[in-house]
């Protein structure tokens, strides 16, 4: 319980910028506070910086009116690609990638199919032939 109350700030020896904070907060929320080691916090800080850098590059490719600056976009593709690979690698290192969070893809597919069936209007009460499912009371 003591670990749940500790402050999770970027390590002092890692250079941190104002634009990194929203990404830091999102990353830290991926796990319980007690699960973060000092080494994990360094990796998380690097991940936050990489995500902020990717956002900065995306902003540079868009003009004031929202139009894409084609030449800037073309010049930024290599940097964007490197940052995307770095982000994926760091998420895997922290075990906060999709596979670590949700399991193997075949299991995710089964859960997703079940959820889509439920969300798609399937009414389990309509298929209850033996009447064993609880039903809301009928108001008369």
Protein backbone atom coordinates (compact mmCIF):
# COMPACT_ATOMS: atom_id res chain seq x y z
CA UNK A 1 0.00 0.00 0.00
CA UNK A 2 2.91 2.35 0.63
CA UNK A 3 3.95 2.04 -3.02
CA UNK A 4 0.48 3.17 -4.11
CA UNK A 5 1.04 6.59 -2.51
CA UNK A 6 4.49 7.31 -3.90
CA UNK A 7 5.11 10.14 -6.31
CA UNK A 8 5.91 8.95 -9.81
CA UNK A 9 7.94 11.72 -11.39
CA UNK A 10 10.50 11.45 -14.15
CA UNK A 11 13.98 10.73 -12.79
CA UNK A 12 15.94 13.91 -12.10
CA UNK A 13 18.79 12.89 -14.41
CA UNK A 14 16.48 12.61 -17.44
CA UNK A 15 15.89 15.88 -19.31
CA UNK A 16 12.15 16.50 -19.34
CA UNK A 17 10.31 19.19 -21.31
CA UNK A 18 6.91 20.79 -20.75
CA UNK A 19 5.44 19.07 -23.83
CA UNK A 20 6.41 15.65 -22.42
CA UNK A 21 4.09 15.83 -19.38
CA UNK A 22 0.76 14.82 -20.99
CA UNK A 23 2.43 11.73 -22.44
CA UNK A 24 4.14 10.97 -19.11
CA UNK A 25 0.80 11.10 -17.28
CA UNK A 26 -0.83 8.76 -19.82
CA UNK A 27 2.06 6.28 -19.65
CA UNK A 28 2.19 6.20 -15.84
CA UNK A 29 -1.55 5.41 -15.70
CA UNK A 30 -0.92 2.21 -17.68
CA UNK A 31 0.22 0.40 -14.51
CA UNK A 32 -0.34 0.45 -10.79
CA UNK A 33 2.10 2.75 -8.96
CA UNK A 34 3.64 -0.15 -7.08
CA UNK A 35 4.70 -1.85 -10.32
CA UNK A 36 7.06 0.92 -11.47
CA UNK A 37 10.77 0.36 -10.81
CA UNK A 38 13.35 3.14 -11.06
CA UNK A 39 14.62 1.66 -14.35
CA UNK A 40 11.05 1.53 -15.71
CA UNK A 41 10.64 5.24 -14.95
CA UNK A 42 13.70 6.04 -17.07
CA UNK A 43 12.23 4.04 -19.96
CA UNK A 44 8.84 5.72 -19.42
CA UNK A 45 10.50 9.15 -19.55
CA UNK A 46 12.19 8.24 -22.84
CA UNK A 47 8.85 7.01 -24.17
CA UNK A 48 7.13 10.26 -23.18
CA UNK A 49 9.84 12.27 -24.94
CA UNK A 50 9.56 10.14 -28.09
CA UNK A 51 5.78 10.58 -28.14
CA UNK A 52 6.11 14.35 -27.67
CA UNK A 53 8.68 14.47 -30.47
CA UNK A 54 6.32 12.57 -32.79
CA UNK A 55 3.57 15.06 -31.99
CA UNK A 56 5.92 17.99 -32.62
CA UNK A 57 6.82 16.60 -36.06
CA UNK A 58 3.14 16.08 -36.87
CA UNK A 59 2.44 19.71 -35.94
CA UNK A 60 5.25 20.93 -38.21
CA UNK A 61 3.65 19.24 -41.22
CA UNK A 62 0.38 21.16 -40.86
CA UNK A 63 -0.11 24.82 -41.71
CA UNK A 64 -2.22 27.36 -39.84
CA UNK A 65 -5.27 26.69 -41.97
CA UNK A 66 -4.99 22.92 -41.45
CA UNK A 67 -3.51 22.23 -44.86
CA UNK A 68 -0.71 19.69 -45.09
CA UNK A 69 2.73 21.06 -45.96
CA UNK A 70 3.69 18.41 -48.51
CA UNK A 71 7.42 19.18 -48.63
CA UNK A 72 7.72 19.24 -44.83
CA UNK A 73 5.73 16.01 -44.63
CA UNK A 74 7.99 14.31 -47.16
CA UNK A 75 11.10 15.50 -45.30
CA UNK A 76 9.76 14.24 -41.97
CA UNK A 77 8.85 10.68 -43.01
CA UNK A 78 12.18 9.13 -41.97
CA UNK A 79 12.15 10.84 -38.57
CA UNK A 80 8.49 9.93 -38.02
CA UNK A 81 9.20 6.31 -38.90
CA UNK A 82 12.15 6.12 -36.50
CA UNK A 83 10.09 7.65 -33.70
CA UNK A 84 7.20 5.26 -34.34
CA UNK A 85 9.57 2.28 -34.09
CA UNK A 86 11.13 3.70 -30.93
CA UNK A 87 7.70 4.19 -29.35
CA UNK A 88 6.66 0.60 -30.13
CA UNK A 89 9.96 -0.75 -28.77
CA UNK A 90 9.73 1.26 -25.55
CA UNK A 91 6.08 0.24 -24.99
CA UNK A 92 7.12 -3.39 -25.37
CA UNK A 93 10.02 -2.90 -22.97
CA UNK A 94 7.57 -1.56 -20.38
CA UNK A 95 5.09 -4.34 -21.20
CA UNK A 96 2.30 -1.86 -21.88
CA UNK A 97 1.81 -2.88 -25.50
CA UNK A 98 -1.40 -4.51 -26.69
CA UNK A 99 -0.16 -8.09 -26.38
CA UNK A 100 1.00 -7.57 -22.80
CA UNK A 101 -2.26 -5.87 -21.85
CA UNK A 102 -4.79 -8.01 -23.72
CA UNK A 103 -3.11 -11.36 -24.40
CA UNK A 104 -2.68 -13.37 -27.55
CA UNK A 105 -4.48 -12.17 -30.68
CA UNK A 106 -6.64 -15.30 -30.95
CA UNK A 107 -8.03 -14.62 -27.46
CA UNK A 108 -8.57 -10.95 -28.27
CA UNK A 109 -10.44 -11.96 -31.42
CA UNK A 110 -12.76 -14.26 -29.43
CA UNK A 111 -13.49 -11.56 -26.84
CA UNK A 112 -14.02 -9.00 -29.58
CA UNK A 113 -16.48 -11.27 -31.42
CA UNK A 114 -18.43 -11.84 -28.21
CA UNK A 115 -18.53 -8.13 -27.47
CA UNK A 116 -19.66 -7.31 -30.99
CA UNK A 117 -22.45 -9.86 -30.72
CA UNK A 118 -23.63 -8.32 -27.46
CA UNK A 119 -23.31 -4.78 -28.78
CA UNK A 120 -24.97 -5.73 -32.06
CA UNK A 121 -28.40 -6.01 -30.52
CA UNK A 122 -28.30 -9.64 -29.44
CA UNK A 123 -30.67 -10.00 -26.50
CA UNK A 124 -29.66 -12.92 -24.27
CA UNK A 125 -33.03 -12.75 -22.49
CA UNK A 126 -34.83 -13.50 -25.75
CA UNK A 127 -32.89 -16.78 -26.11
CA UNK A 128 -33.60 -17.92 -22.53
CA UNK A 129 -35.84 -20.89 -23.21
CA UNK A 130 -35.60 -22.37 -19.71
CA UNK A 131 -36.41 -19.09 -17.92
CA UNK A 132 -33.38 -19.26 -15.62
CA UNK A 133 -32.08 -15.76 -16.32
CA UNK A 134 -33.30 -13.00 -14.02
CA UNK A 135 -35.53 -10.50 -15.72
CA UNK A 136 -36.46 -6.94 -14.76
CA UNK A 137 -39.88 -6.71 -13.16
CA UNK A 138 -42.75 -5.78 -15.43
CA UNK A 139 -44.49 -2.54 -14.48
CA UNK A 140 -48.24 -2.64 -14.83
